[in-house]
Amino acid sequence: MPKVVANGLGFVGIVCCYLIGDCLVKLTGVPLPGALLGMLLLLGILLLRGRSPGSMGHASQPLLGHMSLLFVPAVVGVMLFWPEVKQNLIGIVLALVATTVISMGLTAWVAQRILSNNYRGSRK
């Protein structure tokens, strides 16, 4: 299969997961962003499959390579609402620090559990 077709199919797969997630949010009223639900759906598919299809990996490379550009609208949004951000800056900073510490601690704990289980399994 030509590389262009394979990349197109991979991109279509990624977009389909996004659209399905968005439709599920609209149909069920789940209080999550459609993009997040689509990403979770994509993660589930990739975990069930055990590996990512090469076409999807190739299609995701340009998106990952230009990810900083994709954050420009969020930064502009923060600039537009700067008075509200400035008013709540202490709470925002505390929430960012607390959630970062919690997520790093939880990630370290999970990684430690996984690595210790893999180590025990390889010694048997």
PDB file of N, CA and C in Angstrom:
ATOM      1  N   MET A   1       0.857  -1.179   0.000  1.00  0.00           N
ATOM      2  CA  MET A   1       0.000   0.000   0.000  1.00  0.00           C
ATOM      3  C   MET A   1       0.904   1.243   0.000  1.00  0.00           C
ATOM      4  N   PRO A   2       0.638   2.212  -0.853  1.00  0.00           N
ATOM      5  CA  PRO A   2       1.452   3.428  -0.887  1.00  0.00           C
ATOM      6  C   PRO A   2       1.410   4.159   0.455  1.00  0.00           C
ATOM      7  N   LYS A   3       2.515   4.842   0.766  1.00  0.00           N
ATOM      8  CA  LYS A   3       2.648   5.523   2.049  1.00  0.00           C
ATOM      9  C   LYS A   3       1.573   6.602   2.236  1.00  0.00           C
ATOM     10  N   VAL A   4       1.230   7.296   1.176  1.00  0.00           N
ATOM     11  CA  VAL A   4       0.224   8.355   1.266  1.00  0.00           C
ATOM     12  C   VAL A   4      -1.131   7.767   1.664  1.00  0.00           C
ATOM     13  N   VAL A   5      -1.481   6.642   1.072  1.00  0.00           N
ATOM     14  CA  VAL A   5      -2.760   5.994   1.394  1.00  0.00           C
ATOM     15  C   VAL A   5      -2.742   5.490   2.823  1.00  0.00           C
ATOM     16  N   ALA A   6      -1.625   4.882   3.241  1.00  0.00           N
ATOM     17  CA  ALA A   6      -1.515   4.368   4.604  1.00  0.00           C
ATOM     18  C   ALA A   6      -1.618   5.500   5.621  1.00  0.00           C
ATOM     19  N   ASN A   7      -0.919   6.604   5.367  1.00  0.00           N
ATOM     20  CA  ASN A   7      -1.012   7.755   6.269  1.00  0.00           C
ATOM     21  C   ASN A   7      -2.423   8.320   6.297  1.00  0.00           C
ATOM     22  N   GLY A   8      -3.079   8.367   5.151  1.00  0.00           N
ATOM     23  CA  GLY A   8      -4.463   8.853   5.097  1.00  0.00           C
ATOM     24  C   GLY A   8      -5.391   7.977   5.910  1.00  0.00           C
ATOM     25  N   LEU A   9      -5.227   6.667   5.797  1.00  0.00           N
ATOM     26  CA  LEU A   9      -6.061   5.751   6.581  1.00  0.00           C
ATOM     27  C   LEU A   9      -5.804   5.901   8.077  1.00  0.00           C
ATOM     28  N   GLY A  10      -4.542   6.087   8.449  1.00  0.00           N
ATOM     29  CA  GLY A  10      -4.221   6.302   9.855  1.00  0.00           C
ATOM     30  C   GLY A  10      -4.856   7.573  10.388  1.00  0.00           C
ATOM     31  N   PHE A  11      -4.781   8.639   9.581  1.00  0.00           N
ATOM     32  CA  PHE A  11      -5.392   9.906   9.991  1.00  0.00           C
ATOM     33  C   PHE A  11      -6.906   9.776  10.096  1.00  0.00           C
ATOM     34  N   VAL A  12      -7.515   9.059   9.156  1.00  0.00           N
ATOM     35  CA  VAL A  12      -8.968   8.832   9.197  1.00  0.00           C
ATOM     36  C   VAL A  12      -9.338   8.062  10.467  1.00  0.00           C
ATOM     37  N   GLY A  13      -8.512   7.090  10.859  1.00  0.00           N
ATOM     38  CA  GLY A  13      -8.769   6.337  12.087  1.00  0.00           C
ATOM     39  C   GLY A  13      -8.745   7.228  13.316  1.00  0.00           C
ATOM     40  N   ILE A  14      -7.758   8.129  13.376  1.00  0.00           N
ATOM     41  CA  ILE A  14      -7.656   9.056  14.509  1.00  0.00           C
ATOM     42  C   ILE A  14      -8.857   9.991  14.538  1.00  0.00           C
ATOM     43  N   VAL A  15      -9.218  10.539  13.389  1.00  0.00           N
ATOM     44  CA  VAL A  15     -10.359  11.466  13.317  1.00  0.00           C
ATOM     45  C   VAL A  15     -11.665  10.743  13.652  1.00  0.00           C
ATOM     46  N   CYS A  16     -11.800   9.496  13.207  1.00  0.00           N
ATOM     47  CA  CYS A  16     -13.018   8.729  13.522  1.00  0.00           C
ATOM     48  C   CYS A  16     -13.164   8.528  15.027  1.00  0.00           C
ATOM     49  N   CYS A  17     -12.068   8.228  15.721  1.00  0.00           N
ATOM     50  CA  CYS A  17     -12.137   8.089  17.183  1.00  0.00           C
ATOM     51  C   CYS A  17     -12.591   9.395  17.823  1.00  0.00           C
ATOM     52  N   TYR A  18     -12.067  10.518  17.329  1.00  0.00           N
ATOM     53  CA  TYR A  18     -12.491  11.819  17.845  1.00  0.00           C
ATOM     54  C   TYR A  18     -13.981  12.041  17.607  1.00  0.00           C
ATOM     55  N   LEU A  19     -14.441  11.780  16.384  1.00  0.00           N
ATOM     56  CA  LEU A  19     -15.850  12.019  16.053  1.00  0.00           C
ATOM     57  C   LEU A  19     -16.782  11.100  16.836  1.00  0.00           C
ATOM     58  N   ILE A  20     -16.397   9.842  17.018  1.00  0.00           N
ATOM     59  CA  ILE A  20     -17.212   8.918  17.803  1.00  0.00           C
ATOM     60  C   ILE A  20     -17.294   9.400  19.247  1.00  0.00           C
ATOM     61  N   GLY A  21     -16.167   9.851  19.798  1.00  0.00           N
ATOM     62  CA  GLY A  21     -16.166  10.390  21.162  1.00  0.00           C
ATOM     63  C   GLY A  21     -17.057  11.603  21.278  1.00  0.00           C
ATOM     64  N   ASP A  22     -16.996  12.485  20.302  1.00  0.00           N
ATOM     65  CA  ASP A  22     -17.835  13.682  20.308  1.00  0.00           C
ATOM     66  C   ASP A  22     -19.319  13.314  20.209  1.00  0.00           C
ATOM     67  N   CYS A  23     -19.650  12.370  19.347  1.00  0.00           N
ATOM     68  CA  CYS A  23     -21.049  11.930  19.215  1.00  0.00           C
ATOM     69  C   CYS A  23     -21.540  11.262  20.496  1.00  0.00           C
ATOM     70  N   LEU A  24     -20.690  10.450  21.122  1.00  0.00           N
ATOM     71  CA  LEU A  24     -21.085   9.793  22.368  1.00  0.00           C
ATOM     72  C   LEU A  24     -21.383  10.808  23.460  1.00  0.00           C
ATOM     73  N   VAL A  25     -20.588  11.873  23.530  1.00  0.00           N
ATOM     74  CA  VAL A  25     -20.826  12.916  24.530  1.00  0.00           C
ATOM     75  C   VAL A  25     -22.154  13.606  24.261  1.00  0.00           C
ATOM     76  N   LYS A  26     -22.430  13.897  22.996  1.00  0.00           N
ATOM     77  CA  LYS A  26     -23.685  14.574  22.665  1.00  0.00           C
ATOM     78  C   LYS A  26     -24.898  13.675  22.889  1.00  0.00           C
ATOM     79  N   LEU A  27     -24.764  12.377  22.623  1.00  0.00           N
ATOM     80  CA  LEU A  27     -25.880  11.455  22.788  1.00  0.00           C
ATOM     81  C   LEU A  27     -26.144  11.103  24.246  1.00  0.00           C
ATOM     82  N   THR A  28     -25.081  10.931  25.025  1.00  0.00           N
ATOM     83  CA  THR A  28     -25.254  10.477  26.406  1.00  0.00           C
ATOM     84  C   THR A  28     -25.256  11.609  27.412  1.00  0.00           C
ATOM     85  N   GLY A  29     -24.696  12.742  27.049  1.00  0.00           N
ATOM     86  CA  GLY A  29     -24.629  13.855  27.991  1.00  0.00           C
ATOM     87  C   GLY A  29     -23.552  13.671  29.048  1.00  0.00           C
ATOM     88  N   VAL A  30     -22.584  12.811  28.793  1.00  0.00           N
ATOM     89  CA  VAL A  30     -21.476  12.597  29.724  1.00  0.00           C
ATOM     90  C   VAL A  30     -20.724  13.914  29.886  1.00  0.00           C
ATOM     91  N   PRO A  31     -20.415  14.307  31.123  1.00  0.00           N
ATOM     92  CA  PRO A  31     -19.754  15.611  31.319  1.00  0.00           C
ATOM     93  C   PRO A  31     -18.246  15.561  31.049  1.00  0.00           C
ATOM     94  N   LEU A  32     -17.871  15.093  29.882  1.00  0.00           N
ATOM     95  CA  LEU A  32     -16.478  15.042  29.453  1.00  0.00           C
ATOM     96  C   LEU A  32     -16.377  15.674  28.075  1.00  0.00           C
ATOM     97  N   PRO A  33     -15.221  16.236  27.755  1.00  0.00           N
ATOM     98  CA  PRO A  33     -15.042  16.738  26.385  1.00  0.00           C
ATOM     99  C   PRO A  33     -15.032  15.577  25.390  1.00  0.00           C
ATOM    100  N   GLY A  34     -15.593  15.801  24.227  1.00  0.00           N
ATOM    101  CA  GLY A  34     -15.634  14.762  23.204  1.00  0.00           C
ATOM    102  C   GLY A  34     -14.256  14.306  22.774  1.00  0.00           C
ATOM    103  N   ALA A  35     -13.309  15.255  22.737  1.00  0.00           N
ATOM    104  CA  ALA A  35     -11.942  14.905  22.347  1.00  0.00           C
ATOM    105  C   ALA A  35     -11.322  13.943  23.359  1.00  0.00           C
ATOM    106  N   LEU A  36     -11.597  14.158  24.645  1.00  0.00           N
ATOM    107  CA  LEU A  36     -11.059  13.261  25.674  1.00  0.00           C
ATOM    108  C   LEU A  36     -11.661  11.872  25.557  1.00  0.00           C
ATOM    109  N   LEU A  37     -12.954  11.794  25.351  1.00  0.00           N
ATOM    110  CA  LEU A  37     -13.606  10.489  25.204  1.00  0.00           C
ATOM    111  C   LEU A  37     -13.093   9.775  23.947  1.00  0.00           C
ATOM    112  N   GLY A  38     -12.886  10.524  22.874  1.00  0.00           N
ATOM    113  CA  GLY A  38     -12.322   9.943  21.662  1.00  0.00           C
ATOM    114  C   GLY A  38     -10.911   9.434  21.880  1.00  0.00           C
ATOM    115  N   MET A  39     -10.117  10.184  22.645  1.00  0.00           N
ATOM    116  CA  MET A  39      -8.763   9.759  22.938  1.00  0.00           C
ATOM    117  C   MET A  39      -8.763   8.493  23.801  1.00  0.00           C
ATOM    118  N   LEU A  40      -9.684   8.427  24.764  1.00  0.00           N
ATOM    119  CA  LEU A  40      -9.806   7.221  25.579  1.00  0.00           C
ATOM    120  C   LEU A  40     -10.248   6.031  24.731  1.00  0.00           C
ATOM    121  N   LEU A  41     -11.128   6.268  23.780  1.00  0.00           N
ATOM    122  CA  LEU A  41     -11.554   5.220  22.862  1.00  0.00           C
ATOM    123  C   LEU A  41     -10.364   4.732  22.026  1.00  0.00           C
ATOM    124  N   LEU A  42      -9.570   5.661  21.523  1.00  0.00           N
ATOM    125  CA  LEU A  42      -8.373   5.307  20.757  1.00  0.00           C
ATOM    126  C   LEU A  42      -7.393   4.520  21.623  1.00  0.00           C
ATOM    127  N   LEU A  43      -7.211   4.949  22.867  1.00  0.00           N
ATOM    128  CA  LEU A  43      -6.329   4.231  23.780  1.00  0.00           C
ATOM    129  C   LEU A  43      -6.828   2.809  24.007  1.00  0.00           C
ATOM    130  N   GLY A  44      -8.137   2.648  24.211  1.00  0.00           N
ATOM    131  CA  GLY A  44      -8.709   1.318  24.404  1.00  0.00           C
ATOM    132  C   GLY A  44      -8.482   0.419  23.192  1.00  0.00           C
ATOM    133  N   ILE A  45      -8.680   0.972  22.018  1.00  0.00           N
ATOM    134  CA  ILE A  45      -8.464   0.192  20.786  1.00  0.00           C
ATOM    135  C   ILE A  45      -7.004  -0.233  20.679  1.00  0.00           C
ATOM    136  N   LEU A  46      -6.098   0.700  20.951  1.00  0.00           N
ATOM    137  CA  LEU A  46      -4.676   0.379  20.852  1.00  0.00           C
ATOM    138  C   LEU A  46      -4.256  -0.644  21.910  1.00  0.00           C
ATOM    139  N   LEU A  47      -4.820  -0.554  23.121  1.00  0.00           N
ATOM    140  CA  LEU A  47      -4.493  -1.526  24.162  1.00  0.00           C
ATOM    141  C   LEU A  47      -5.037  -2.906  23.823  1.00  0.00           C
ATOM    142  N   LEU A  48      -6.249  -2.960  23.292  1.00  0.00           N
ATOM    143  CA  LEU A  48      -6.817  -4.254  22.904  1.00  0.00           C
ATOM    144  C   LEU A  48      -6.034  -4.887  21.764  1.00  0.00           C
ATOM    145  N   ARG A  49      -5.553  -4.056  20.888  1.00  0.00           N
ATOM    146  CA  ARG A  49      -4.794  -4.537  19.731  1.00  0.00           C
ATOM    147  C   ARG A  49      -3.381  -4.973  20.105  1.00  0.00           C
ATOM    148  N   GLY A  50      -2.853  -4.369  21.178  1.00  0.00           N
ATOM    149  CA  GLY A  50      -1.520  -4.725  21.636  1.00  0.00           C
ATOM    150  C   GLY A  50      -0.402  -3.930  20.998  1.00  0.00           C
ATOM    151  N   ARG A  51      -0.666  -3.224  19.952  1.00  0.00           N
ATOM    152  CA  ARG A  51       0.322  -2.390  19.268  1.00  0.00           C
ATOM    153  C   ARG A  51      -0.440  -1.384  18.412  1.00  0.00           C
ATOM    154  N   SER A  52       0.268  -0.351  17.998  1.00  0.00           N
ATOM    155  CA  SER A  52      -0.408   0.623  17.142  1.00  0.00           C
ATOM    156  C   SER A  52      -0.135   0.270  15.686  1.00  0.00           C
ATOM    157  N   PRO A  53      -1.143   0.404  14.842  1.00  0.00           N
ATOM    158  CA  PRO A  53      -0.917   0.166  13.416  1.00  0.00           C
ATOM    159  C   PRO A  53       0.103   1.170  12.889  1.00  0.00           C
ATOM    160  N   GLY A  54       0.980   0.722  12.004  1.00  0.00           N
ATOM    161  CA  GLY A  54       2.010   1.602  11.459  1.00  0.00           C
ATOM    162  C   GLY A  54       1.438   2.837  10.799  1.00  0.00           C
ATOM    163  N   SER A  55       0.296   2.677  10.135  1.00  0.00           N
ATOM    164  CA  SER A  55      -0.299   3.830   9.450  1.00  0.00           C
ATOM    165  C   SER A  55      -0.735   4.891  10.452  1.00  0.00           C
ATOM    166  N   MET A  56      -1.242   4.470  11.600  1.00  0.00           N
ATOM    167  CA  MET A  56      -1.687   5.426  12.603  1.00  0.00           C
ATOM    168  C   MET A  56      -0.478   6.122  13.241  1.00  0.00           C
ATOM    169  N   GLY A  57       0.601   5.369  13.432  1.00  0.00           N
ATOM    170  CA  GLY A  57       1.820   5.964  13.976  1.00  0.00           C
ATOM    171  C   GLY A  57       2.411   7.004  13.039  1.00  0.00           C
ATOM    172  N   HIS A  58       2.427   6.677  11.744  1.00  0.00           N
ATOM    173  CA  HIS A  58       2.956   7.634  10.758  1.00  0.00           C
ATOM    174  C   HIS A  58       2.058   8.862  10.651  1.00  0.00           C
ATOM    175  N   ALA A  59       0.753   8.660  10.733  1.00  0.00           N
ATOM    176  CA  ALA A  59      -0.177   9.793  10.615  1.00  0.00           C
ATOM    177  C   ALA A  59      -0.099  10.703  11.834  1.00  0.00           C
ATOM    178  N   SER A  60       0.245  10.156  12.995  1.00  0.00           N
ATOM    179  CA  SER A  60       0.290  10.966  14.211  1.00  0.00           C
ATOM    180  C   SER A  60       1.579  11.771  14.331  1.00  0.00           C
ATOM    181  N   GLN A  61       2.626  11.407  13.603  1.00  0.00           N
ATOM    182  CA  GLN A  61       3.916  12.097  13.723  1.00  0.00           C
ATOM    183  C   GLN A  61       3.836  13.599  13.420  1.00  0.00           C
ATOM    184  N   PRO A  62       3.180  14.028  12.337  1.00  0.00           N
ATOM    185  CA  PRO A  62       3.094  15.485  12.112  1.00  0.00           C
ATOM    186  C   PRO A  62       2.318  16.205  13.216  1.00  0.00           C
ATOM    187  N   LEU A  63       1.284  15.550  13.738  1.00  0.00           N
ATOM    188  CA  LEU A  63       0.518  16.174  14.825  1.00  0.00           C
ATOM    189  C   LEU A  63       1.384  16.330  16.068  1.00  0.00           C
ATOM    190  N   LEU A  64       2.147  15.305  16.396  1.00  0.00           N
ATOM    191  CA  LEU A  64       3.026  15.372  17.558  1.00  0.00           C
ATOM    192  C   LEU A  64       4.168  16.347  17.338  1.00  0.00           C
ATOM    193  N   GLY A  65       4.668  16.417  16.119  1.00  0.00           N
ATOM    194  CA  GLY A  65       5.762  17.329  15.804  1.00  0.00           C
ATOM    195  C   GLY A  65       5.373  18.795  15.904  1.00  0.00           C
ATOM    196  N   HIS A  66       4.117  19.098  15.676  1.00  0.00           N
ATOM    197  CA  HIS A  66       3.647  20.485  15.703  1.00  0.00           C
ATOM    198  C   HIS A  66       2.694  20.727  16.874  1.00  0.00           C
ATOM    199  N   MET A  67       2.843  19.955  17.934  1.00  0.00           N
ATOM    200  CA  MET A  67       1.922  20.068  19.066  1.00  0.00           C
ATOM    201  C   MET A  67       1.977  21.446  19.721  1.00  0.00           C
ATOM    202  N   SER A  68       3.164  22.062  19.759  1.00  0.00           N
ATOM    203  CA  SER A  68       3.253  23.385  20.381  1.00  0.00           C
ATOM    204  C   SER A  68       2.372  24.393  19.645  1.00  0.00           C
ATOM    205  N   LEU A  69       2.250  24.261  18.354  1.00  0.00           N
ATOM    206  CA  LEU A  69       1.392  25.151  17.573  1.00  0.00           C
ATOM    207  C   LEU A  69      -0.084  24.937  17.925  1.00  0.00           C
ATOM    208  N   LEU A  70      -0.430  23.713  18.296  1.00  0.00           N
ATOM    209  CA  LEU A  70      -1.821  23.416  18.623  1.00  0.00           C
ATOM    210  C   LEU A  70      -2.246  24.028  19.960  1.00  0.00           C
ATOM    211  N   PHE A  71      -1.279  24.474  20.782  1.00  0.00           N
ATOM    212  CA  PHE A  71      -1.604  25.101  22.061  1.00  0.00           C
ATOM    213  C   PHE A  71      -1.803  26.608  21.947  1.00  0.00           C
ATOM    214  N   VAL A  72      -1.569  27.179  20.792  1.00  0.00           N
ATOM    215  CA  VAL A  72      -1.712  28.630  20.616  1.00  0.00           C
ATOM    216  C   VAL A  72      -3.129  29.100  20.969  1.00  0.00           C
ATOM    217  N   PRO A  73      -4.212  28.449  20.522  1.00  0.00           N
ATOM    218  CA  PRO A  73      -5.540  28.935  20.904  1.00  0.00           C
ATOM    219  C   PRO A  73      -5.766  28.937  22.424  1.00  0.00           C
ATOM    220  N   ALA A  74      -5.220  27.960  23.129  1.00  0.00           N
ATOM    221  CA  ALA A  74      -5.380  27.931  24.584  1.00  0.00           C
ATOM    222  C   ALA A  74      -4.646  29.099  25.237  1.00  0.00           C
ATOM    223  N   VAL A  75      -3.458  29.411  24.753  1.00  0.00           N
ATOM    224  CA  VAL A  75      -2.688  30.524  25.307  1.00  0.00           C
ATOM    225  C   VAL A  75      -3.396  31.846  25.026  1.00  0.00           C
ATOM    226  N   VAL A  76      -3.933  31.993  23.829  1.00  0.00           N
ATOM    227  CA  VAL A  76      -4.677  33.212  23.492  1.00  0.00           C
ATOM    228  C   VAL A  76      -5.916  33.327  24.381  1.00  0.00           C
ATOM    229  N   GLY A  77      -6.572  32.200  24.646  1.00  0.00           N
ATOM    230  CA  GLY A  77      -7.736  32.206  25.541  1.00  0.00           C
ATOM    231  C   GLY A  77      -7.372  32.669  26.941  1.00  0.00           C
ATOM    232  N   VAL A  78      -6.222  32.238  27.435  1.00  0.00           N
ATOM    233  CA  VAL A  78      -5.773  32.681  28.763  1.00  0.00           C
ATOM    234  C   VAL A  78      -5.505  34.180  28.738  1.00  0.00           C
ATOM    235  N   MET A  79      -4.910  34.671  27.656  1.00  0.00           N
ATOM    236  CA  MET A  79      -4.627  36.103  27.561  1.00  0.00           C
ATOM    237  C   MET A  79      -5.923  36.916  27.523  1.00  0.00           C
ATOM    238  N   LEU A  80      -6.948  36.383  26.875  1.00  0.00           N
ATOM    239  CA  LEU A  80      -8.219  37.109  26.803  1.00  0.00           C
ATOM    240  C   LEU A  80      -8.880  37.215  28.168  1.00  0.00           C
ATOM    241  N   PHE A  81      -8.695  36.188  28.996  1.00  0.00           N
ATOM    242  CA  PHE A  81      -9.327  36.164  30.309  1.00  0.00           C
ATOM    243  C   PHE A  81      -8.327  36.450  31.419  1.00  0.00           C
ATOM    244  N   TRP A  82      -7.278  37.224  31.108  1.00  0.00           N
ATOM    245  CA  TRP A  82      -6.231  37.484  32.079  1.00  0.00           C
ATOM    246  C   TRP A  82      -6.747  38.128  33.369  1.00  0.00           C
ATOM    247  N   PRO A  83      -7.705  39.069  33.337  1.00  0.00           N
ATOM    248  CA  PRO A  83      -8.174  39.636  34.612  1.00  0.00           C
ATOM    249  C   PRO A  83      -8.759  38.570  35.556  1.00  0.00           C
ATOM    250  N   GLU A  84      -9.507  37.618  35.006  1.00  0.00           N
ATOM    251  CA  GLU A  84     -10.059  36.555  35.839  1.00  0.00           C
ATOM    252  C   GLU A  84      -8.958  35.625  36.342  1.00  0.00           C
ATOM    253  N   VAL A  85      -7.984  35.345  35.478  1.00  0.00           N
ATOM    254  CA  VAL A  85      -6.859  34.492  35.875  1.00  0.00           C
ATOM    255  C   VAL A  85      -6.060  35.170  36.976  1.00  0.00           C
ATOM    256  N   LYS A  86      -5.791  36.461  36.798  1.00  0.00           N
ATOM    257  CA  LYS A  86      -5.020  37.213  37.788  1.00  0.00           C
ATOM    258  C   LYS A  86      -5.735  37.244  39.136  1.00  0.00           C
ATOM    259  N   GLN A  87      -7.044  37.375  39.103  1.00  0.00           N
ATOM    260  CA  GLN A  87      -7.838  37.419  40.333  1.00  0.00           C
ATOM    261  C   GLN A  87      -7.766  36.083  41.086  1.00  0.00           C
ATOM    262  N   ASN A  88      -7.666  34.971  40.368  1.00  0.00           N
ATOM    263  CA  ASN A  88      -7.657  33.638  40.983  1.00  0.00           C
ATOM    264  C   ASN A  88      -6.294  32.962  40.875  1.00  0.00           C
ATOM    265  N   LEU A  89      -5.235  33.731  40.733  1.00  0.00           N
ATOM    266  CA  LEU A  89      -3.912  33.185  40.466  1.00  0.00           C
ATOM    267  C   LEU A  89      -3.421  32.250  41.572  1.00  0.00           C
ATOM    268  N   ILE A  90      -3.634  32.606  42.828  1.00  0.00           N
ATOM    269  CA  ILE A  90      -3.158  31.760  43.933  1.00  0.00           C
ATOM    270  C   ILE A  90      -3.850  30.399  43.899  1.00  0.00           C
ATOM    271  N   GLY A  91      -5.143  30.374  43.702  1.00  0.00           N
ATOM    272  CA  GLY A  91      -5.870  29.111  43.618  1.00  0.00           C
ATOM    273  C   GLY A  91      -5.439  28.274  42.419  1.00  0.00           C
ATOM    274  N   ILE A  92      -5.208  28.933  41.300  1.00  0.00           N
ATOM    275  CA  ILE A  92      -4.776  28.215  40.096  1.00  0.00           C
ATOM    276  C   ILE A  92      -3.394  27.595  40.319  1.00  0.00           C
ATOM    277  N   VAL A  93      -2.473  28.370  40.886  1.00  0.00           N
ATOM    278  CA  VAL A  93      -1.123  27.861  41.137  1.00  0.00           C
ATOM    279  C   VAL A  93      -1.166  26.709  42.135  1.00  0.00           C
ATOM    280  N   LEU A  94      -1.940  26.849  43.208  1.00  0.00           N
ATOM    281  CA  LEU A  94      -2.051  25.770  44.191  1.00  0.00           C
ATOM    282  C   LEU A  94      -2.637  24.505  43.568  1.00  0.00           C
ATOM    283  N   ALA A  95      -3.650  24.669  42.739  1.00  0.00           N
ATOM    284  CA  ALA A  95      -4.259  23.508  42.077  1.00  0.00           C
ATOM    285  C   ALA A  95      -3.261  22.852  41.127  1.00  0.00           C
ATOM    286  N   LEU A  96      -2.515  23.647  40.386  1.00  0.00           N
ATOM    287  CA  LEU A  96      -1.513  23.085  39.465  1.00  0.00           C
ATOM    288  C   LEU A  96      -0.426  22.329  40.218  1.00  0.00           C
ATOM    289  N   VAL A  97       0.067  22.912  41.301  1.00  0.00           N
ATOM    290  CA  VAL A  97       1.124  22.251  42.078  1.00  0.00           C
ATOM    291  C   VAL A  97       0.596  20.969  42.711  1.00  0.00           C
ATOM    292  N   ALA A  98      -0.591  21.043  43.325  1.00  0.00           N
ATOM    293  CA  ALA A  98      -1.149  19.863  43.995  1.00  0.00           C
ATOM    294  C   ALA A  98      -1.415  18.728  43.010  1.00  0.00           C
ATOM    295  N   THR A  99      -2.026  19.039  41.885  1.00  0.00           N
ATOM    296  CA  THR A  99      -2.330  17.971  40.925  1.00  0.00           C
ATOM    297  C   THR A  99      -1.059  17.420  40.285  1.00  0.00           C
ATOM    298  N   THR A 100      -0.040  18.265  40.099  1.00  0.00           N
ATOM    299  CA  THR A 100       1.227  17.778  39.559  1.00  0.00           C
ATOM    300  C   THR A 100       1.891  16.822  40.537  1.00  0.00           C
ATOM    301  N   VAL A 101       1.938  17.188  41.811  1.00  0.00           N
ATOM    302  CA  VAL A 101       2.543  16.322  42.825  1.00  0.00           C
ATOM    303  C   VAL A 101       1.780  15.007  42.933  1.00  0.00           C
ATOM    304  N   ILE A 102       0.460  15.078  42.945  1.00  0.00           N
ATOM    305  CA  ILE A 102      -0.352  13.860  43.045  1.00  0.00           C
ATOM    306  C   ILE A 102      -0.148  12.970  41.825  1.00  0.00           C
ATOM    307  N   SER A 103      -0.180  13.552  40.630  1.00  0.00           N
ATOM    308  CA  SER A 103      -0.036  12.728  39.421  1.00  0.00           C
ATOM    309  C   SER A 103       1.358  12.134  39.310  1.00  0.00           C
ATOM    310  N   MET A 104       2.389  12.881  39.690  1.00  0.00           N
ATOM    311  CA  MET A 104       3.747  12.331  39.655  1.00  0.00           C
ATOM    312  C   MET A 104       3.906  11.218  40.680  1.00  0.00           C
ATOM    313  N   GLY A 105       3.347  11.417  41.864  1.00  0.00           N
ATOM    314  CA  GLY A 105       3.420  10.374  42.888  1.00  0.00           C
ATOM    315  C   GLY A 105       2.678   9.122  42.475  1.00  0.00           C
ATOM    316  N   LEU A 106       1.485   9.289  41.928  1.00  0.00           N
ATOM    317  CA  LEU A 106       0.698   8.140  41.483  1.00  0.00           C
ATOM    318  C   LEU A 106       1.383   7.418  40.316  1.00  0.00           C
ATOM    319  N   THR A 107       1.952   8.182  39.406  1.00  0.00           N
ATOM    320  CA  THR A 107       2.675   7.579  38.281  1.00  0.00           C
ATOM    321  C   THR A 107       3.882   6.790  38.781  1.00  0.00           C
ATOM    322  N   ALA A 108       4.630   7.351  39.728  1.00  0.00           N
ATOM    323  CA  ALA A 108       5.791   6.652  40.284  1.00  0.00           C
ATOM    324  C   ALA A 108       5.365   5.375  40.998  1.00  0.00           C
ATOM    325  N   TRP A 109       4.278   5.437  41.747  1.00  0.00           N
ATOM    326  CA  TRP A 109       3.788   4.264  42.466  1.00  0.00           C
ATOM    327  C   TRP A 109       3.375   3.158  41.494  1.00  0.00           C
ATOM    328  N   VAL A 110       2.620   3.525  40.447  1.00  0.00           N
ATOM    329  CA  VAL A 110       2.191   2.545  39.447  1.00  0.00           C
ATOM    330  C   VAL A 110       3.395   1.956  38.720  1.00  0.00           C
ATOM    331  N   ALA A 111       4.344   2.816  38.332  1.00  0.00           N
ATOM    332  CA  ALA A 111       5.541   2.323  37.638  1.00  0.00           C
ATOM    333  C   ALA A 111       6.329   1.374  38.537  1.00  0.00           C
ATOM    334  N   GLN A 112       6.437   1.705  39.802  1.00  0.00           N
ATOM    335  CA  GLN A 112       7.157   0.847  40.736  1.00  0.00           C
ATOM    336  C   GLN A 112       6.466  -0.508  40.869  1.00  0.00           C
ATOM    337  N   ARG A 113       5.149  -0.503  40.949  1.00  0.00           N
ATOM    338  CA  ARG A 113       4.400  -1.760  41.045  1.00  0.00           C
ATOM    339  C   ARG A 113       4.567  -2.604  39.786  1.00  0.00           C
ATOM    340  N   ILE A 114       4.483  -1.966  38.633  1.00  0.00           N
ATOM    341  CA  ILE A 114       4.618  -2.696  37.366  1.00  0.00           C
ATOM    342  C   ILE A 114       6.022  -3.268  37.233  1.00  0.00           C
ATOM    343  N   LEU A 115       7.030  -2.438  37.518  1.00  0.00           N
ATOM    344  CA  LEU A 115       8.405  -2.901  37.374  1.00  0.00           C
ATOM    345  C   LEU A 115       8.745  -3.995  38.375  1.00  0.00           C
ATOM    346  N   SER A 116       8.232  -3.889  39.594  1.00  0.00           N
ATOM    347  CA  SER A 116       8.535  -4.939  40.579  1.00  0.00           C
ATOM    348  C   SER A 116       7.823  -6.240  40.204  1.00  0.00           C
ATOM    349  N   ASN A 117       6.623  -6.167  39.645  1.00  0.00           N
ATOM    350  CA  ASN A 117       5.926  -7.375  39.196  1.00  0.00           C
ATOM    351  C   ASN A 117       6.621  -7.994  37.994  1.00  0.00           C
ATOM    352  N   ASN A 118       7.094  -7.179  37.069  1.00  0.00           N
ATOM    353  CA  ASN A 118       7.822  -7.699  35.914  1.00  0.00           C
ATOM    354  C   ASN A 118       9.138  -8.332  36.339  1.00  0.00           C
ATOM    355  N   TYR A 119       9.799  -7.739  37.322  1.00  0.00           N
ATOM    356  CA  TYR A 119      11.071  -8.277  37.792  1.00  0.00           C
ATOM    357  C   TYR A 119      10.848  -9.632  38.460  1.00  0.00           C
ATOM    358  N   ARG A 120       9.810  -9.723  39.304  1.00  0.00           N
ATOM    359  CA  ARG A 120       9.505 -10.991  39.951  1.00  0.00           C
ATOM    360  C   ARG A 120       9.128 -12.064  38.930  1.00  0.00           C
ATOM    361  N   GLY A 121       8.367 -11.649  37.910  1.00  0.00           N
ATOM    362  CA  GLY A 121       7.952 -12.593  36.880  1.00  0.00           C
ATOM    363  C   GLY A 121       9.118 -13.111  36.033  1.00  0.00           C
ATOM    364  N   SER A 122      10.152 -12.286  35.848  1.00  0.00           N
ATOM    365  CA  SER A 122      11.275 -12.721  35.023  1.00  0.00           C
ATOM    366  C   SER A 122      12.224 -13.626  35.793  1.00  0.00           C
ATOM    367  N   ARG A 123      12.188 -13.585  37.138  1.00  0.00           N
ATOM    368  CA  ARG A 123      13.073 -14.436  37.940  1.00  0.00           C
ATOM    369  C   ARG A 123      12.558 -15.846  38.080  1.00  0.00           C
ATOM    370  N   LYS A 124      11.271 -16.069  37.844  1.00  0.00           N
ATOM    371  CA  LYS A 124      10.694 -17.398  38.036  1.00  0.00           C
ATOM    372  C   LYS A 124      11.151 -18.365  37.010  1.00  0.00           C
TER     373      LYS A 124
END
